[in-house]
């Protein structure tokens, strides 16, 4: 019976850790970003293409929109945006 009690205690501790410390089980590395200043006439698609490093440009555009909380792809000269490295 001691073995059964040990398994229950182990299960309870595991559940506790998963519930109260989720980052221990789903740790993801922080992404690195550069700050980019938009020039006259530049579009989000052009900037994404310049910094895509072989990735699908649509994914890069989406990521730039998400990390900068952009509601549209419209940019203003002088605007500073974060670009994934």
C-alpha atoms as a PDB file:
ATOM      1  CA  UNK A   1       0.000   0.000   0.000  1.00  0.00           C
ATOM      2  CA  UNK A   2       2.938   2.366   0.501  1.00  0.00           C
ATOM      3  CA  UNK A   3       3.711   2.170  -3.209  1.00  0.00           C
ATOM      4  CA  UNK A   4       0.167   3.233  -4.138  1.00  0.00           C
ATOM      5  CA  UNK A   5       0.393   6.218  -1.784  1.00  0.00           C
ATOM      6  CA  UNK A   6       3.720   7.230  -3.313  1.00  0.00           C
ATOM      7  CA  UNK A   7       2.246   7.221  -6.815  1.00  0.00           C
ATOM      8  CA  UNK A   8      -0.693   9.341  -5.704  1.00  0.00           C
ATOM      9  CA  UNK A   9       1.659  11.848  -4.062  1.00  0.00           C
ATOM     10  CA  UNK A  10       3.826  11.964  -7.192  1.00  0.00           C
ATOM     11  CA  UNK A  11       0.766  12.496  -9.404  1.00  0.00           C
ATOM     12  CA  UNK A  12      -0.508  15.269  -7.122  1.00  0.00           C
ATOM     13  CA  UNK A  13       2.855  17.055  -7.187  1.00  0.00           C
ATOM     14  CA  UNK A  14       3.027  16.754 -10.987  1.00  0.00           C
ATOM     15  CA  UNK A  15      -0.468  18.195 -11.424  1.00  0.00           C
ATOM     16  CA  UNK A  16       0.355  21.018  -8.990  1.00  0.00           C
ATOM     17  CA  UNK A  17       3.490  21.935 -10.956  1.00  0.00           C
ATOM     18  CA  UNK A  18       1.686  21.870 -14.292  1.00  0.00           C
ATOM     19  CA  UNK A  19      -1.143  24.086 -13.017  1.00  0.00           C
ATOM     20  CA  UNK A  20       0.845  26.604 -10.997  1.00  0.00           C
ATOM     21  CA  UNK A  21       4.096  26.669 -12.945  1.00  0.00           C
ATOM     22  CA  UNK A  22       3.103  26.277 -16.618  1.00  0.00           C
ATOM     23  CA  UNK A  23       6.223  28.051 -17.887  1.00  0.00           C
ATOM     24  CA  UNK A  24       8.331  25.196 -16.573  1.00  0.00           C
ATOM     25  CA  UNK A  25       6.648  22.835 -19.012  1.00  0.00           C
ATOM     26  CA  UNK A  26       6.224  25.183 -21.999  1.00  0.00           C
ATOM     27  CA  UNK A  27       9.340  27.349 -21.959  1.00  0.00           C
ATOM     28  CA  UNK A  28      10.017  29.080 -25.262  1.00  0.00           C
ATOM     29  CA  UNK A  29      13.054  31.202 -26.073  1.00  0.00           C
ATOM     30  CA  UNK A  30      12.592  34.957 -26.357  1.00  0.00           C
ATOM     31  CA  UNK A  31      12.755  36.291 -29.910  1.00  0.00           C
ATOM     32  CA  UNK A  32      15.238  38.994 -30.805  1.00  0.00           C
ATOM     33  CA  UNK A  33      14.081  42.136 -32.602  1.00  0.00           C
ATOM     34  CA  UNK A  34      15.710  45.151 -34.169  1.00  0.00           C
ATOM     35  CA  UNK A  35      14.154  48.616 -34.224  1.00  0.00           C
ATOM     36  CA  UNK A  36      13.653  49.857 -37.767  1.00  0.00           C
ATOM     37  CA  UNK A  37      12.770  53.400 -38.859  1.00  0.00           C
ATOM     38  CA  UNK A  38      10.417  53.558 -41.851  1.00  0.00           C
ATOM     39  CA  UNK A  39      11.578  55.752 -44.770  1.00  0.00           C
ATOM     40  CA  UNK A  40       9.426  57.708 -47.218  1.00  0.00           C
ATOM     41  CA  UNK A  41       7.640  55.417 -49.681  1.00  0.00           C
ATOM     42  CA  UNK A  42       8.433  52.146 -47.895  1.00  0.00           C
ATOM     43  CA  UNK A  43       5.745  49.549 -47.468  1.00  0.00           C
ATOM     44  CA  UNK A  44       5.429  46.841 -44.869  1.00  0.00           C
ATOM     45  CA  UNK A  45       5.795  44.249 -47.627  1.00  0.00           C
ATOM     46  CA  UNK A  46       9.075  45.792 -48.841  1.00  0.00           C
ATOM     47  CA  UNK A  47      10.495  45.860 -45.324  1.00  0.00           C
ATOM     48  CA  UNK A  48       9.379  42.270 -44.707  1.00  0.00           C
ATOM     49  CA  UNK A  49      11.001  41.173 -47.960  1.00  0.00           C
ATOM     50  CA  UNK A  50      14.298  42.877 -47.013  1.00  0.00           C
ATOM     51  CA  UNK A  51      14.332  41.086 -43.645  1.00  0.00           C
ATOM     52  CA  UNK A  52      12.695  37.756 -44.532  1.00  0.00           C
ATOM     53  CA  UNK A  53      15.942  35.713 -44.616  1.00  0.00           C
ATOM     54  CA  UNK A  54      14.321  33.114 -46.846  1.00  0.00           C
ATOM     55  CA  UNK A  55      11.075  32.897 -44.876  1.00  0.00           C
ATOM     56  CA  UNK A  56       7.657  33.297 -46.476  1.00  0.00           C
ATOM     57  CA  UNK A  57       7.122  37.068 -46.727  1.00  0.00           C
ATOM     58  CA  UNK A  58       3.482  36.693 -45.673  1.00  0.00           C
ATOM     59  CA  UNK A  59       4.609  35.175 -42.364  1.00  0.00           C
ATOM     60  CA  UNK A  60       7.092  38.002 -41.797  1.00  0.00           C
ATOM     61  CA  UNK A  61       4.428  40.649 -42.559  1.00  0.00           C
ATOM     62  CA  UNK A  62       2.041  38.965 -40.126  1.00  0.00           C
ATOM     63  CA  UNK A  63       4.706  38.765 -37.410  1.00  0.00           C
ATOM     64  CA  UNK A  64       5.648  42.446 -37.836  1.00  0.00           C
ATOM     65  CA  UNK A  65       1.971  43.428 -37.631  1.00  0.00           C
ATOM     66  CA  UNK A  66       1.506  41.327 -34.479  1.00  0.00           C
ATOM     67  CA  UNK A  67       4.580  42.476 -32.526  1.00  0.00           C
ATOM     68  CA  UNK A  68       3.903  46.136 -33.376  1.00  0.00           C
ATOM     69  CA  UNK A  69       0.131  45.923 -32.807  1.00  0.00           C
ATOM     70  CA  UNK A  70      -0.546  47.309 -36.292  1.00  0.00           C
ATOM     71  CA  UNK A  71      -4.185  47.352 -37.354  1.00  0.00           C
ATOM     72  CA  UNK A  72      -3.223  47.757 -41.020  1.00  0.00           C
ATOM     73  CA  UNK A  73      -0.101  47.472 -43.169  1.00  0.00           C
ATOM     74  CA  UNK A  74      -0.013  51.284 -43.631  1.00  0.00           C
ATOM     75  CA  UNK A  75       3.225  52.856 -42.376  1.00  0.00           C
ATOM     76  CA  UNK A  76       4.296  56.470 -41.841  1.00  0.00           C
ATOM     77  CA  UNK A  77       7.789  57.819 -42.610  1.00  0.00           C
ATOM     78  CA  UNK A  78       9.740  58.082 -39.361  1.00  0.00           C
ATOM     79  CA  UNK A  79       7.640  55.403 -37.673  1.00  0.00           C
ATOM     80  CA  UNK A  80       9.714  52.987 -35.594  1.00  0.00           C
ATOM     81  CA  UNK A  81       8.776  49.329 -35.787  1.00  0.00           C
ATOM     82  CA  UNK A  82      10.241  46.109 -34.428  1.00  0.00           C
ATOM     83  CA  UNK A  83      11.527  43.625 -36.989  1.00  0.00           C
ATOM     84  CA  UNK A  84      12.334  40.005 -36.092  1.00  0.00           C
ATOM     85  CA  UNK A  85      16.043  39.165 -36.444  1.00  0.00           C
END
